[in-house]
Amino acid sequence: MKRKILLKYLKECDCVLAREGANHSIYKNKHSGLWSAIPRHSDIEETTVMKICKQLGIPKIEK
């Protein structure tokens, strides 16, 4: 999945950029306070995307 599509979905689910790390962007769910690291690759594997959604407490992204 393209990183741009994932970030757009996270924004729709009320997740915000908390900070920038060296190799990852840290996103936080505004409602639950859960956070996850998003790698800075143009393509992110589907299993990684599912783990990110689970860590943030949001529904899986549909293709």
C-alpha atoms as a PDB file:
ATOM      1  CA  MET A   1       0.000   0.000   0.000  1.00  0.00           C
ATOM      2  CA  LYS A   2       1.218   3.498  -0.749  1.00  0.00           C
ATOM      3  CA  ARG A   3       2.219   5.552   2.295  1.00  0.00           C
ATOM      4  CA  LYS A   4       0.193   8.518   1.064  1.00  0.00           C
ATOM      5  CA  ILE A   5      -3.023   6.448   1.045  1.00  0.00           C
ATOM      6  CA  LEU A   6      -2.345   5.162   4.568  1.00  0.00           C
ATOM      7  CA  LEU A   7      -1.710   8.670   5.917  1.00  0.00           C
ATOM      8  CA  LYS A   8      -4.949   9.922   4.343  1.00  0.00           C
ATOM      9  CA  TYR A   9      -6.852   7.057   6.022  1.00  0.00           C
ATOM     10  CA  LEU A  10      -5.229   7.809   9.388  1.00  0.00           C
ATOM     11  CA  LYS A  11      -6.307  11.439   9.102  1.00  0.00           C
ATOM     12  CA  GLU A  12      -9.901  10.325   8.373  1.00  0.00           C
ATOM     13  CA  CYS A  13      -9.776   8.196  11.555  1.00  0.00           C
ATOM     14  CA  ASP A  14      -8.729  11.218  13.669  1.00  0.00           C
ATOM     15  CA  CYS A  15      -5.090  10.193  14.010  1.00  0.00           C
ATOM     16  CA  VAL A  16      -2.571  13.029  14.094  1.00  0.00           C
ATOM     17  CA  LEU A  17       1.162  13.309  13.597  1.00  0.00           C
ATOM     18  CA  ALA A  18       2.670  13.409  17.085  1.00  0.00           C
ATOM     19  CA  ARG A  19       6.326  13.738  16.071  1.00  0.00           C
ATOM     20  CA  GLU A  20       8.924  12.797  13.498  1.00  0.00           C
ATOM     21  CA  GLY A  21      11.524  10.173  14.352  1.00  0.00           C
ATOM     22  CA  ALA A  22      14.718   9.418  12.429  1.00  0.00           C
ATOM     23  CA  ASN A  23      13.182   6.746  10.189  1.00  0.00           C
ATOM     24  CA  HIS A  24       9.510   6.781  11.203  1.00  0.00           C
ATOM     25  CA  SER A  25       6.638   9.196  11.733  1.00  0.00           C
ATOM     26  CA  ILE A  26       4.773   8.722  15.011  1.00  0.00           C
ATOM     27  CA  TYR A  27       0.979   8.986  14.734  1.00  0.00           C
ATOM     28  CA  LYS A  28      -1.411   9.175  17.681  1.00  0.00           C
ATOM     29  CA  ASN A  29      -5.132   8.434  17.901  1.00  0.00           C
ATOM     30  CA  LYS A  30      -6.771  11.570  19.367  1.00  0.00           C
ATOM     31  CA  HIS A  31      -9.566   9.632  21.062  1.00  0.00           C
ATOM     32  CA  SER A  32      -7.779   6.657  22.613  1.00  0.00           C
ATOM     33  CA  GLY A  33      -4.266   8.040  23.021  1.00  0.00           C
ATOM     34  CA  LEU A  34      -2.795   4.967  21.291  1.00  0.00           C
ATOM     35  CA  TRP A  35       0.191   5.556  18.997  1.00  0.00           C
ATOM     36  CA  SER A  36       2.110   3.783  16.241  1.00  0.00           C
ATOM     37  CA  ALA A  37       5.250   4.317  14.177  1.00  0.00           C
ATOM     38  CA  ILE A  38       4.741   4.668  10.416  1.00  0.00           C
ATOM     39  CA  PRO A  39       7.832   3.811   8.328  1.00  0.00           C
ATOM     40  CA  ARG A  40       8.989   6.296   5.709  1.00  0.00           C
ATOM     41  CA  HIS A  41       8.821   4.009   2.677  1.00  0.00           C
ATOM     42  CA  SER A  42       6.796   4.746  -0.433  1.00  0.00           C
ATOM     43  CA  ASP A  43       5.278   1.233  -0.243  1.00  0.00           C
ATOM     44  CA  ILE A  44       4.266  -0.344   3.068  1.00  0.00           C
ATOM     45  CA  GLU A  45       3.428  -4.058   3.315  1.00  0.00           C
ATOM     46  CA  GLU A  46      -0.179  -5.059   4.024  1.00  0.00           C
ATOM     47  CA  THR A  47       0.781  -6.913   7.208  1.00  0.00           C
ATOM     48  CA  THR A  48       2.492  -3.775   8.503  1.00  0.00           C
ATOM     49  CA  VAL A  49      -0.594  -1.696   7.671  1.00  0.00           C
ATOM     50  CA  MET A  50      -2.821  -4.136   9.595  1.00  0.00           C
ATOM     51  CA  LYS A  51      -0.491  -3.953  12.618  1.00  0.00           C
ATOM     52  CA  ILE A  52      -0.504  -0.142  12.499  1.00  0.00           C
ATOM     53  CA  CYS A  53      -4.323  -0.061  12.445  1.00  0.00           C
ATOM     54  CA  LYS A  54      -4.469  -2.515  15.347  1.00  0.00           C
ATOM     55  CA  GLN A  55      -1.956  -0.472  17.384  1.00  0.00           C
ATOM     56  CA  LEU A  56      -3.985   2.696  16.800  1.00  0.00           C
ATOM     57  CA  GLY A  57      -7.287   0.977  17.621  1.00  0.00           C
ATOM     58  CA  ILE A  58      -8.912   1.782  14.271  1.00  0.00           C
ATOM     59  CA  PRO A  59     -10.661  -0.517  11.740  1.00  0.00           C
ATOM     60  CA  LYS A  60      -8.573  -2.206   9.058  1.00  0.00           C
ATOM     61  CA  ILE A  61      -8.256  -0.189   5.889  1.00  0.00           C
ATOM     62  CA  GLU A  62     -10.246  -1.521   2.935  1.00  0.00           C
ATOM     63  CA  LYS A  63      -8.545  -1.623  -0.448  1.00  0.00           C
END
